N, C-alpha and C. Protein backbone atom coordinates (compact mmCIF):
# COMPACT_ATOMS: atom_id res chain seq x y z
N MET A 1 90.17 137.49 152.20
CA MET A 1 89.43 137.48 150.90
C MET A 1 87.91 137.57 151.16
N GLY A 2 87.22 138.44 150.44
CA GLY A 2 85.83 138.64 150.66
C GLY A 2 85.02 137.40 150.19
N ILE A 3 83.74 137.36 150.68
CA ILE A 3 82.89 136.22 150.32
C ILE A 3 82.69 136.15 148.81
N GLY A 4 82.52 137.35 148.21
CA GLY A 4 82.31 137.39 146.72
C GLY A 4 83.45 136.80 146.00
N ARG A 5 84.68 137.15 146.44
CA ARG A 5 85.87 136.61 145.75
C ARG A 5 86.02 135.11 145.97
N VAL A 6 85.64 134.62 147.19
CA VAL A 6 85.70 133.19 147.44
C VAL A 6 84.75 132.45 146.50
N VAL A 7 83.51 132.94 146.35
CA VAL A 7 82.53 132.33 145.47
C VAL A 7 83.03 132.33 144.03
N LEU A 8 83.61 133.45 143.61
CA LEU A 8 84.10 133.56 142.23
C LEU A 8 85.26 132.57 142.01
N ALA A 9 86.16 132.50 143.02
CA ALA A 9 87.31 131.59 142.89
C ALA A 9 86.81 130.10 142.80
N VAL A 10 85.81 129.75 143.61
CA VAL A 10 85.29 128.41 143.56
C VAL A 10 84.68 128.16 142.21
N ALA A 11 83.90 129.12 141.72
CA ALA A 11 83.22 128.98 140.42
C ALA A 11 84.23 128.81 139.33
N VAL A 12 85.27 129.64 139.30
CA VAL A 12 86.29 129.54 138.30
C VAL A 12 87.00 128.18 138.36
N THR A 13 87.32 127.74 139.60
CA THR A 13 87.98 126.44 139.76
C THR A 13 87.12 125.29 139.25
N ALA A 14 85.80 125.36 139.62
CA ALA A 14 84.90 124.30 139.18
C ALA A 14 84.73 124.35 137.67
N GLY A 15 84.72 125.52 137.12
CA GLY A 15 84.62 125.65 135.64
C GLY A 15 85.84 125.04 134.95
N ALA A 16 87.00 125.31 135.54
CA ALA A 16 88.22 124.77 134.95
C ALA A 16 88.26 123.25 135.02
N ILE A 17 87.80 122.70 136.18
CA ILE A 17 87.74 121.27 136.31
C ILE A 17 86.82 120.68 135.30
N HIS A 18 85.67 121.33 135.14
CA HIS A 18 84.65 120.83 134.15
C HIS A 18 85.22 120.82 132.75
N LEU A 19 85.85 121.94 132.38
CA LEU A 19 86.42 122.05 131.05
C LEU A 19 87.53 121.00 130.86
N SER A 20 88.28 120.74 131.92
CA SER A 20 89.35 119.73 131.83
C SER A 20 88.72 118.35 131.59
N ASP A 21 87.64 118.05 132.28
CA ASP A 21 86.99 116.78 132.14
C ASP A 21 86.44 116.63 130.73
N VAL A 22 85.85 117.73 130.20
CA VAL A 22 85.35 117.67 128.85
C VAL A 22 86.41 117.41 127.85
N ALA A 23 87.57 118.13 128.07
CA ALA A 23 88.68 117.97 127.11
C ALA A 23 89.18 116.53 127.11
N ARG A 24 89.27 115.93 128.36
CA ARG A 24 89.74 114.55 128.41
C ARG A 24 88.72 113.58 127.74
N ALA A 25 87.44 113.99 127.82
CA ALA A 25 86.39 113.06 127.29
C ALA A 25 86.42 113.01 125.74
N GLN A 26 86.94 114.03 125.13
CA GLN A 26 86.95 114.08 123.67
C GLN A 26 88.06 113.21 123.13
N ALA A 27 87.67 112.15 122.38
CA ALA A 27 88.64 111.26 121.88
C ALA A 27 89.41 111.87 120.69
N ASP A 28 90.57 111.31 120.42
CA ASP A 28 91.42 111.76 119.31
C ASP A 28 91.12 110.99 118.06
N PHE A 29 90.43 111.63 117.11
CA PHE A 29 90.06 110.95 115.80
C PHE A 29 90.96 111.49 114.69
N GLU A 30 91.93 112.31 115.00
CA GLU A 30 92.74 112.91 113.97
C GLU A 30 93.53 111.87 113.19
N GLY A 31 93.69 112.11 111.88
CA GLY A 31 94.51 111.26 111.06
C GLY A 31 93.80 110.71 109.83
N ILE A 32 94.51 109.90 109.13
CA ILE A 32 93.94 109.22 107.93
C ILE A 32 93.50 107.79 108.31
N TRP A 33 92.32 107.47 107.85
CA TRP A 33 91.72 106.20 108.26
C TRP A 33 91.37 105.37 106.96
N ILE A 34 91.78 104.13 106.98
CA ILE A 34 91.55 103.23 105.83
C ILE A 34 90.42 102.33 106.14
N PRO A 35 89.41 102.20 105.25
CA PRO A 35 88.24 101.29 105.54
C PRO A 35 88.77 99.89 105.84
N ASP A 36 88.15 99.36 106.92
CA ASP A 36 88.47 98.00 107.37
C ASP A 36 87.26 97.10 107.08
N HIS A 37 86.54 97.41 106.05
CA HIS A 37 85.33 96.69 105.70
C HIS A 37 85.18 96.69 104.22
N PRO A 38 84.63 95.59 103.63
CA PRO A 38 84.31 95.61 102.19
C PRO A 38 83.18 96.54 101.95
N PRO A 39 82.99 97.01 100.70
CA PRO A 39 81.84 97.91 100.44
C PRO A 39 80.53 97.30 100.90
N GLY A 40 79.76 98.09 101.61
CA GLY A 40 78.43 97.68 102.01
C GLY A 40 78.39 96.90 103.31
N LEU A 41 79.59 96.68 103.97
CA LEU A 41 79.60 95.99 105.21
C LEU A 41 78.72 96.71 106.22
N GLY A 42 77.86 95.99 106.92
CA GLY A 42 77.01 96.59 107.92
C GLY A 42 75.70 97.03 107.42
N GLN A 43 75.50 96.98 106.12
CA GLN A 43 74.16 97.32 105.57
C GLN A 43 73.26 96.05 105.75
N PRO A 44 72.12 96.24 106.27
CA PRO A 44 71.24 95.07 106.57
C PRO A 44 70.79 94.41 105.28
N PRO A 45 70.56 93.11 105.30
CA PRO A 45 69.98 92.44 104.11
C PRO A 45 68.60 93.07 103.74
N LEU A 46 68.32 93.10 102.48
CA LEU A 46 67.05 93.73 102.05
C LEU A 46 65.83 93.07 102.72
N SER A 47 66.00 91.79 103.02
CA SER A 47 64.85 91.07 103.67
C SER A 47 64.57 91.57 105.08
N GLU A 48 65.56 92.30 105.67
CA GLU A 48 65.37 92.75 107.05
C GLU A 48 65.00 94.22 107.08
N VAL A 49 64.99 94.89 105.97
CA VAL A 49 64.65 96.31 105.94
C VAL A 49 63.12 96.49 105.95
N LYS A 50 62.60 97.21 106.94
CA LYS A 50 61.15 97.35 107.11
C LYS A 50 60.69 98.63 106.39
N LEU A 51 60.32 98.45 105.13
CA LEU A 51 59.82 99.57 104.32
C LEU A 51 58.33 99.76 104.53
N THR A 52 57.94 100.99 104.51
CA THR A 52 56.52 101.32 104.48
C THR A 52 55.99 101.02 103.10
N PRO A 53 54.64 101.02 102.88
CA PRO A 53 54.12 100.87 101.51
C PRO A 53 54.68 101.96 100.55
N ALA A 54 54.80 103.19 101.06
CA ALA A 54 55.37 104.25 100.21
C ALA A 54 56.84 104.00 99.93
N GLY A 55 57.54 103.51 100.92
CA GLY A 55 58.96 103.20 100.70
C GLY A 55 59.16 102.05 99.72
N ARG A 56 58.27 101.03 99.82
CA ARG A 56 58.39 99.92 98.92
C ARG A 56 58.09 100.34 97.49
N ALA A 57 57.11 101.19 97.30
CA ALA A 57 56.80 101.69 95.96
C ALA A 57 57.94 102.47 95.40
N GLU A 58 58.58 103.32 96.22
CA GLU A 58 59.69 104.15 95.76
C GLU A 58 60.90 103.22 95.40
N PHE A 59 61.13 102.20 96.21
CA PHE A 59 62.23 101.26 95.99
C PHE A 59 62.03 100.51 94.66
N GLU A 60 60.80 100.13 94.36
CA GLU A 60 60.51 99.42 93.11
C GLU A 60 60.59 100.32 91.87
N ARG A 61 60.47 101.64 92.05
CA ARG A 61 60.60 102.55 90.91
C ARG A 61 62.08 102.89 90.59
N PHE A 62 62.95 102.49 91.45
CA PHE A 62 64.35 102.89 91.32
C PHE A 62 65.01 102.16 90.12
N GLY A 63 65.86 102.93 89.42
CA GLY A 63 66.68 102.37 88.35
C GLY A 63 68.07 102.95 88.47
N PRO A 64 69.13 102.28 87.93
CA PRO A 64 70.49 102.81 88.03
C PRO A 64 70.65 104.24 87.57
N GLU A 65 69.81 104.61 86.62
CA GLU A 65 69.87 106.02 86.11
C GLU A 65 69.53 107.03 87.16
N ASN A 66 68.86 106.61 88.29
CA ASN A 66 68.48 107.48 89.35
C ASN A 66 69.61 107.68 90.37
N ASP A 67 70.64 106.85 90.31
CA ASP A 67 71.68 106.87 91.31
C ASP A 67 72.65 108.02 90.97
N PRO A 68 72.79 109.02 91.90
CA PRO A 68 73.68 110.15 91.59
C PRO A 68 75.14 109.73 91.32
N SER A 69 75.60 108.67 91.98
CA SER A 69 76.99 108.25 91.87
C SER A 69 77.31 107.81 90.46
N PHE A 70 76.33 107.35 89.73
CA PHE A 70 76.57 106.96 88.32
C PHE A 70 76.62 108.18 87.40
N ARG A 71 76.38 109.37 87.97
CA ARG A 71 76.54 110.61 87.24
C ARG A 71 77.65 111.43 87.85
N CYS A 72 78.51 110.73 88.55
CA CYS A 72 79.72 111.36 89.19
C CYS A 72 79.32 112.39 90.22
N ILE A 73 78.25 112.14 90.92
CA ILE A 73 77.80 112.97 92.03
C ILE A 73 78.00 112.14 93.32
N MET A 74 78.61 112.75 94.36
CA MET A 74 78.92 111.98 95.56
C MET A 74 77.73 111.36 96.18
N PRO A 75 77.90 110.24 96.85
CA PRO A 75 76.79 109.62 97.63
C PRO A 75 76.55 110.42 98.93
N GLY A 76 75.45 110.25 99.51
CA GLY A 76 75.09 110.99 100.70
C GLY A 76 75.43 110.33 102.05
N VAL A 77 74.71 110.68 103.04
CA VAL A 77 74.94 110.16 104.40
C VAL A 77 73.82 109.19 104.73
N PRO A 78 74.14 107.97 105.20
CA PRO A 78 75.48 107.47 105.56
C PRO A 78 76.15 106.59 104.48
N ARG A 79 75.54 106.53 103.28
CA ARG A 79 76.08 105.60 102.26
C ARG A 79 77.55 105.88 101.96
N GLY A 80 77.93 107.17 101.88
CA GLY A 80 79.32 107.52 101.58
C GLY A 80 80.32 107.04 102.58
N LEU A 81 79.86 106.65 103.79
CA LEU A 81 80.77 106.13 104.80
C LEU A 81 81.17 104.69 104.60
N ALA A 82 80.41 103.96 103.83
CA ALA A 82 80.67 102.55 103.61
C ALA A 82 81.44 102.25 102.35
N ASP A 83 81.91 103.27 101.67
CA ASP A 83 82.67 103.05 100.40
C ASP A 83 84.13 102.72 100.74
N PRO A 84 84.84 102.03 99.84
CA PRO A 84 86.17 101.56 100.13
C PRO A 84 87.30 102.60 99.84
N TYR A 85 87.13 103.78 100.38
CA TYR A 85 88.14 104.83 100.18
C TYR A 85 88.49 105.43 101.52
N PRO A 86 89.68 105.92 101.69
CA PRO A 86 90.12 106.50 102.94
C PRO A 86 89.46 107.87 103.24
N ILE A 87 89.48 108.23 104.50
CA ILE A 87 89.06 109.54 104.91
C ILE A 87 90.14 110.14 105.80
N GLU A 88 90.22 111.45 105.87
CA GLU A 88 91.08 112.14 106.83
C GLU A 88 90.23 112.97 107.73
N ILE A 89 90.45 112.85 109.05
CA ILE A 89 89.69 113.57 110.05
C ILE A 89 90.57 114.66 110.70
N VAL A 90 90.05 115.88 110.71
CA VAL A 90 90.76 116.98 111.32
C VAL A 90 89.84 117.58 112.41
N GLN A 91 90.34 117.63 113.65
CA GLN A 91 89.56 118.17 114.75
C GLN A 91 89.96 119.58 115.02
N GLN A 92 88.94 120.49 115.08
CA GLN A 92 89.15 121.88 115.45
C GLN A 92 88.17 122.17 116.58
N ASP A 93 88.36 123.34 117.19
CA ASP A 93 87.53 123.70 118.31
C ASP A 93 86.04 123.77 117.94
N HIS A 94 85.78 124.38 116.80
CA HIS A 94 84.41 124.64 116.38
C HIS A 94 83.81 123.61 115.46
N GLN A 95 84.65 122.73 114.89
CA GLN A 95 84.15 121.77 113.94
C GLN A 95 85.11 120.62 113.82
N ILE A 96 84.53 119.49 113.31
CA ILE A 96 85.38 118.33 112.86
C ILE A 96 85.21 118.19 111.40
N LEU A 97 86.34 118.12 110.69
CA LEU A 97 86.32 117.96 109.24
C LEU A 97 86.50 116.48 108.88
N MET A 98 85.68 115.99 107.95
CA MET A 98 85.84 114.66 107.40
C MET A 98 86.16 114.89 105.92
N LEU A 99 87.41 114.62 105.53
CA LEU A 99 87.87 114.80 104.15
C LEU A 99 87.95 113.46 103.49
N HIS A 100 87.04 113.24 102.51
CA HIS A 100 86.94 111.99 101.85
C HIS A 100 87.78 111.99 100.55
N GLU A 101 88.51 110.94 100.32
CA GLU A 101 89.13 110.78 98.99
C GLU A 101 88.04 110.63 97.90
N TYR A 102 86.96 109.89 98.28
CA TYR A 102 85.89 109.63 97.34
C TYR A 102 85.16 110.95 96.98
N TYR A 103 85.26 111.33 95.71
CA TYR A 103 84.61 112.55 95.18
C TYR A 103 85.12 113.84 95.88
N HIS A 104 86.24 113.75 96.58
CA HIS A 104 86.84 114.89 97.26
C HIS A 104 85.81 115.59 98.19
N GLN A 105 84.97 114.78 98.77
CA GLN A 105 83.92 115.28 99.63
C GLN A 105 84.47 115.88 100.92
N VAL A 106 84.02 117.06 101.24
CA VAL A 106 84.36 117.73 102.48
C VAL A 106 83.17 117.88 103.36
N ARG A 107 83.21 117.21 104.49
CA ARG A 107 82.07 117.29 105.40
C ARG A 107 82.42 118.01 106.69
N ARG A 108 81.59 118.91 107.12
CA ARG A 108 81.84 119.70 108.30
C ARG A 108 80.82 119.30 109.37
N VAL A 109 81.30 118.95 110.52
CA VAL A 109 80.46 118.61 111.67
C VAL A 109 80.68 119.76 112.69
N PHE A 110 79.69 120.62 112.83
CA PHE A 110 79.86 121.76 113.70
C PHE A 110 79.70 121.39 115.16
N MET A 111 80.69 121.76 115.99
CA MET A 111 80.70 121.29 117.36
C MET A 111 80.49 122.44 118.39
N ASP A 112 80.09 123.59 117.90
CA ASP A 112 79.96 124.80 118.77
C ASP A 112 78.58 125.09 119.22
N GLY A 113 77.65 124.12 119.06
CA GLY A 113 76.30 124.31 119.54
C GLY A 113 75.33 124.97 118.59
N ARG A 114 75.78 125.33 117.42
CA ARG A 114 74.91 126.03 116.44
C ARG A 114 73.85 125.03 115.94
N GLU A 115 72.79 125.65 115.37
CA GLU A 115 71.73 124.91 114.80
C GLU A 115 71.75 125.18 113.26
N ALA A 116 71.14 124.30 112.47
CA ALA A 116 71.09 124.46 111.02
C ALA A 116 70.22 125.73 110.73
N PRO A 117 70.78 126.61 109.94
CA PRO A 117 70.03 127.82 109.56
C PRO A 117 68.79 127.52 108.73
N ASP A 118 67.75 128.31 108.85
CA ASP A 118 66.55 128.05 108.13
C ASP A 118 66.71 128.08 106.64
N HIS A 119 67.68 128.89 106.12
CA HIS A 119 67.85 129.06 104.71
C HIS A 119 68.70 127.94 104.06
N TRP A 120 69.17 126.97 104.89
CA TRP A 120 70.05 125.94 104.34
C TRP A 120 69.38 125.09 103.28
N VAL A 121 69.98 124.96 102.15
CA VAL A 121 69.40 124.25 101.00
C VAL A 121 69.67 122.75 101.18
N PRO A 122 68.66 121.87 101.07
CA PRO A 122 68.91 120.42 101.20
C PRO A 122 69.90 119.95 100.16
N SER A 123 70.76 118.97 100.56
CA SER A 123 71.76 118.46 99.68
C SER A 123 72.04 116.99 100.08
N LEU A 124 72.94 116.35 99.33
CA LEU A 124 73.25 114.94 99.64
C LEU A 124 74.03 114.83 100.96
N ILE A 125 74.81 115.85 101.28
CA ILE A 125 75.61 115.79 102.49
C ILE A 125 74.88 116.43 103.73
N GLY A 126 73.86 117.18 103.45
CA GLY A 126 73.09 117.81 104.54
C GLY A 126 73.84 118.76 105.40
N TYR A 127 73.36 118.94 106.65
CA TYR A 127 73.95 119.89 107.59
C TYR A 127 74.16 119.09 108.87
N SER A 128 75.44 119.02 109.32
CA SER A 128 75.76 118.11 110.44
C SER A 128 76.24 118.92 111.66
N THR A 129 75.67 118.58 112.81
CA THR A 129 76.11 119.12 114.10
C THR A 129 76.46 117.94 115.01
N GLY A 130 77.42 118.18 115.92
CA GLY A 130 77.85 117.10 116.80
C GLY A 130 78.10 117.47 118.23
N HIS A 131 78.21 116.48 119.06
CA HIS A 131 78.62 116.68 120.46
C HIS A 131 79.26 115.42 120.98
N TRP A 132 79.94 115.50 122.11
CA TRP A 132 80.58 114.31 122.70
C TRP A 132 79.72 113.76 123.79
N GLU A 133 79.62 112.43 123.81
CA GLU A 133 79.08 111.72 124.95
C GLU A 133 80.19 110.83 125.46
N GLY A 134 80.92 111.34 126.44
CA GLY A 134 82.14 110.66 126.86
C GLY A 134 83.15 110.70 125.72
N GLU A 135 83.63 109.55 125.28
CA GLU A 135 84.55 109.48 124.15
C GLU A 135 83.90 109.09 122.85
N THR A 136 82.61 109.16 122.82
CA THR A 136 81.83 108.90 121.61
C THR A 136 81.37 110.20 120.97
N LEU A 137 81.64 110.32 119.69
CA LEU A 137 81.17 111.45 118.91
C LEU A 137 79.75 111.15 118.38
N VAL A 138 78.84 112.02 118.66
CA VAL A 138 77.46 111.84 118.15
C VAL A 138 77.15 112.93 117.18
N VAL A 139 76.74 112.57 115.99
CA VAL A 139 76.49 113.55 114.90
C VAL A 139 75.07 113.45 114.46
N ARG A 140 74.41 114.56 114.31
CA ARG A 140 73.04 114.67 113.81
C ARG A 140 73.08 115.42 112.45
N THR A 141 72.55 114.78 111.38
CA THR A 141 72.55 115.40 110.08
C THR A 141 71.15 115.57 109.59
N THR A 142 70.81 116.81 109.19
CA THR A 142 69.50 117.14 108.66
C THR A 142 69.71 117.75 107.25
N HIS A 143 68.62 118.23 106.66
CA HIS A 143 68.64 118.95 105.40
C HIS A 143 69.26 118.13 104.29
N MET A 144 68.83 116.87 104.16
CA MET A 144 69.32 116.00 103.08
C MET A 144 68.23 115.85 102.03
N SER A 145 68.67 115.73 100.76
CA SER A 145 67.76 115.71 99.65
C SER A 145 67.21 114.29 99.38
N PRO A 146 66.14 114.20 98.59
CA PRO A 146 65.59 112.88 98.29
C PRO A 146 66.53 112.02 97.41
N ASP A 147 67.59 112.61 96.89
CA ASP A 147 68.54 111.77 96.09
C ASP A 147 69.51 111.01 97.00
N ASN A 148 69.33 111.12 98.29
CA ASN A 148 70.23 110.47 99.25
C ASN A 148 69.87 108.96 99.38
N TYR A 149 70.10 108.19 98.38
CA TYR A 149 69.76 106.74 98.45
C TYR A 149 70.66 106.07 99.48
N MET A 150 70.10 105.07 100.17
CA MET A 150 70.79 104.37 101.21
C MET A 150 71.72 103.29 100.67
N SER A 151 71.50 102.82 99.46
CA SER A 151 72.28 101.74 98.91
C SER A 151 72.28 101.81 97.38
N ILE A 152 73.16 101.03 96.81
CA ILE A 152 73.25 100.96 95.34
C ILE A 152 72.00 100.29 94.79
N SER A 153 71.28 99.58 95.59
CA SER A 153 70.04 98.93 95.16
C SER A 153 68.88 99.86 95.12
N GLY A 154 69.04 101.07 95.70
CA GLY A 154 67.96 102.05 95.60
C GLY A 154 67.12 102.19 96.82
N LEU A 155 67.51 101.78 97.98
CA LEU A 155 66.72 102.05 99.19
C LEU A 155 66.54 103.53 99.30
N PRO A 156 65.31 104.00 99.43
CA PRO A 156 65.00 105.42 99.30
C PRO A 156 65.24 106.28 100.51
N PHE A 157 65.14 107.55 100.28
CA PHE A 157 65.17 108.55 101.32
C PHE A 157 64.21 109.69 100.93
N SER A 158 63.31 110.07 101.79
CA SER A 158 62.24 111.01 101.38
C SER A 158 62.75 112.44 101.40
N GLY A 159 63.64 112.79 102.32
CA GLY A 159 64.08 114.17 102.46
C GLY A 159 63.02 115.06 103.13
N ASP A 160 62.00 114.47 103.79
CA ASP A 160 60.97 115.24 104.49
C ASP A 160 61.61 116.02 105.66
N ASP A 161 60.86 116.98 106.15
CA ASP A 161 61.35 117.84 107.24
C ASP A 161 61.71 117.06 108.49
N ASP A 162 61.03 115.91 108.69
CA ASP A 162 61.28 115.14 109.90
C ASP A 162 62.32 114.06 109.73
N THR A 163 63.09 114.09 108.64
CA THR A 163 64.09 113.09 108.41
C THR A 163 65.46 113.61 108.91
N TYR A 164 66.28 112.66 109.46
CA TYR A 164 67.63 112.96 109.85
C TYR A 164 68.39 111.68 110.11
N VAL A 165 69.71 111.81 110.24
CA VAL A 165 70.56 110.64 110.49
C VAL A 165 71.37 110.94 111.80
N ILE A 166 71.41 109.93 112.64
CA ILE A 166 72.23 109.99 113.86
C ILE A 166 73.41 108.99 113.74
N GLU A 167 74.63 109.51 113.89
CA GLU A 167 75.79 108.69 113.79
C GLU A 167 76.55 108.67 115.17
N HIS A 168 77.10 107.54 115.52
CA HIS A 168 77.98 107.37 116.69
C HIS A 168 79.31 106.86 116.25
N TYR A 169 80.39 107.59 116.63
CA TYR A 169 81.77 107.21 116.29
C TYR A 169 82.50 106.91 117.57
N THR A 170 83.20 105.79 117.62
CA THR A 170 83.95 105.39 118.79
C THR A 170 85.31 104.83 118.36
N ARG A 171 86.37 105.26 119.06
CA ARG A 171 87.73 104.75 118.78
C ARG A 171 88.15 103.74 119.81
N SER A 172 88.72 102.63 119.39
CA SER A 172 89.31 101.64 120.26
C SER A 172 90.66 101.29 119.71
N GLY A 173 91.73 101.84 120.31
CA GLY A 173 93.05 101.65 119.75
C GLY A 173 93.20 102.31 118.42
N ASP A 174 93.56 101.56 117.39
CA ASP A 174 93.74 102.12 116.06
C ASP A 174 92.52 101.84 115.18
N VAL A 175 91.37 101.50 115.77
CA VAL A 175 90.16 101.18 115.03
C VAL A 175 89.04 102.23 115.37
N LEU A 176 88.43 102.78 114.32
CA LEU A 176 87.35 103.70 114.48
C LEU A 176 86.08 103.08 113.93
N THR A 177 85.05 102.96 114.73
CA THR A 177 83.84 102.34 114.31
C THR A 177 82.71 103.37 114.28
N PHE A 178 81.72 103.11 113.42
CA PHE A 178 80.55 104.00 113.41
C PHE A 178 79.25 103.19 113.27
N THR A 179 78.19 103.76 113.79
CA THR A 179 76.85 103.25 113.58
C THR A 179 76.02 104.43 113.17
N ALA A 180 75.22 104.25 112.14
CA ALA A 180 74.36 105.30 111.62
C ALA A 180 72.93 104.84 111.58
N GLU A 181 72.02 105.65 112.14
CA GLU A 181 70.60 105.33 112.12
C GLU A 181 69.90 106.40 111.27
N VAL A 182 69.17 105.94 110.25
CA VAL A 182 68.45 106.82 109.38
C VAL A 182 67.00 106.85 109.83
N LEU A 183 66.53 108.00 110.19
CA LEU A 183 65.14 108.23 110.64
C LEU A 183 64.36 108.86 109.48
N ASP A 184 63.52 108.02 108.88
CA ASP A 184 62.71 108.45 107.73
C ASP A 184 61.36 107.75 107.78
N PRO A 185 60.42 108.25 108.60
CA PRO A 185 59.14 107.53 108.81
C PRO A 185 58.30 107.37 107.52
N THR A 186 58.53 108.22 106.53
CA THR A 186 57.80 108.07 105.27
C THR A 186 58.14 106.75 104.57
N ASN A 187 59.42 106.36 104.66
CA ASN A 187 59.88 105.17 103.89
C ASN A 187 60.16 103.94 104.78
N TYR A 188 60.41 104.15 106.07
CA TYR A 188 60.85 103.02 106.91
C TYR A 188 60.01 102.92 108.15
N GLU A 189 59.59 101.69 108.49
CA GLU A 189 58.77 101.49 109.70
C GLU A 189 59.64 101.59 110.97
N GLN A 190 60.92 101.37 110.85
CA GLN A 190 61.86 101.55 111.94
C GLN A 190 63.18 102.06 111.36
N PRO A 191 64.01 102.65 112.17
CA PRO A 191 65.24 103.26 111.61
C PRO A 191 66.06 102.28 110.79
N TYR A 192 66.56 102.74 109.73
CA TYR A 192 67.50 101.98 108.84
C TYR A 192 68.91 102.15 109.44
N VAL A 193 69.60 101.07 109.76
CA VAL A 193 70.85 101.12 110.49
C VAL A 193 71.97 100.52 109.68
N THR A 194 73.09 101.21 109.61
CA THR A 194 74.26 100.65 108.91
C THR A 194 75.48 100.93 109.79
N THR A 195 76.52 100.08 109.68
CA THR A 195 77.74 100.23 110.47
C THR A 195 78.97 100.10 109.62
N GLY A 196 80.12 100.39 110.19
CA GLY A 196 81.37 100.21 109.48
C GLY A 196 82.56 100.52 110.40
N ARG A 197 83.76 100.38 109.90
CA ARG A 197 84.96 100.66 110.71
C ARG A 197 86.10 100.99 109.80
N TRP A 198 87.08 101.73 110.39
CA TRP A 198 88.33 102.07 109.69
C TRP A 198 89.49 101.73 110.60
N LYS A 199 90.64 101.61 109.99
CA LYS A 199 91.91 101.48 110.73
C LYS A 199 92.76 102.69 110.53
N LEU A 200 93.46 103.16 111.60
CA LEU A 200 94.31 104.29 111.48
C LEU A 200 95.52 103.96 110.54
N ALA A 201 95.84 104.92 109.69
CA ALA A 201 96.95 104.75 108.76
C ALA A 201 97.94 105.91 108.93
N PRO A 202 98.89 105.78 109.85
CA PRO A 202 99.83 106.89 110.12
C PRO A 202 100.54 107.38 108.91
N ASN A 203 100.85 106.48 107.97
CA ASN A 203 101.51 106.84 106.75
C ASN A 203 100.59 106.89 105.52
N GLY A 204 99.31 106.94 105.81
CA GLY A 204 98.31 106.90 104.75
C GLY A 204 98.30 108.23 103.90
N GLU A 205 97.68 108.13 102.77
CA GLU A 205 97.61 109.28 101.85
C GLU A 205 96.19 109.34 101.27
N ILE A 206 95.80 110.60 100.94
CA ILE A 206 94.55 110.81 100.23
C ILE A 206 94.96 111.07 98.77
N TRP A 207 94.51 110.24 97.88
CA TRP A 207 94.88 110.33 96.46
C TRP A 207 93.85 111.14 95.65
N GLU A 208 94.25 111.46 94.46
CA GLU A 208 93.31 112.12 93.50
C GLU A 208 92.25 111.09 93.13
N TYR A 209 91.01 111.59 93.09
CA TYR A 209 89.88 110.74 92.68
C TYR A 209 89.26 111.30 91.41
N ALA A 210 88.99 110.45 90.44
CA ALA A 210 88.41 110.88 89.18
C ALA A 210 87.24 110.02 88.82
N CYS A 211 86.21 110.65 88.25
CA CYS A 211 85.07 109.94 87.79
C CYS A 211 84.60 110.54 86.44
N ASP A 212 84.55 109.66 85.43
CA ASP A 212 84.14 110.07 84.09
C ASP A 212 82.61 109.82 83.92
N PRO A 213 81.80 110.86 83.79
CA PRO A 213 80.36 110.64 83.68
C PRO A 213 79.96 109.79 82.49
N ASP A 214 80.85 109.68 81.49
CA ASP A 214 80.50 108.81 80.32
C ASP A 214 80.57 107.35 80.70
N PHE A 215 81.25 107.02 81.76
CA PHE A 215 81.41 105.66 82.19
C PHE A 215 80.85 105.37 83.62
N GLY A 216 80.38 106.38 84.22
CA GLY A 216 79.84 106.22 85.58
C GLY A 216 80.89 106.20 86.60
N ASP A 217 80.56 105.78 87.80
CA ASP A 217 81.48 105.76 88.94
C ASP A 217 82.44 104.60 88.81
N VAL A 218 83.58 104.85 88.16
CA VAL A 218 84.58 103.78 87.97
C VAL A 218 85.83 104.04 88.83
N GLY A 219 85.89 105.17 89.61
CA GLY A 219 86.97 105.41 90.52
C GLY A 219 88.22 105.92 89.80
């Protein structure tokens, strides 16, 4: 065998080993998950939230009429993760789908290395990309609108170009936990952090969700 073929064979073998290691590192999050926390679990007490003067002023201007969920509009990231409704996770090569019963929200986490396109319009769900760090899924979400309130009490989100959310998901047995850090220097002196967890439900179901705008978010 020539030297070139030996080098190629070694490279292919090394590549195969690397891909095998990566495949093993990716945890299995597939299935339906039931919240294992009451609504709002993991949200810090208001007394511990470090708002900037601008953030404090925005918080004090908030009223229930400003909350999109009271107009039957889905909550954003990461608030929608702390609600008491199940989610279904579907893993594909190029993306991970998070299918929420709540508002029938479909969230796509792109796993193929792409970046958010310049033309992407800001929204409550934003644009999410992810990668694996061992068996932990790390998600970065950008392009979120100022209507992305952090809590029902009206903790604000500026939606500025430098804002984003970093989430970490880790599975231990039949429990899936997450931590989300909100980076919004306009409103917060330090990242706003929330956490939560779900339990795997092998026989779980995603039900129809309805919201009547005349009565607000009543489920």
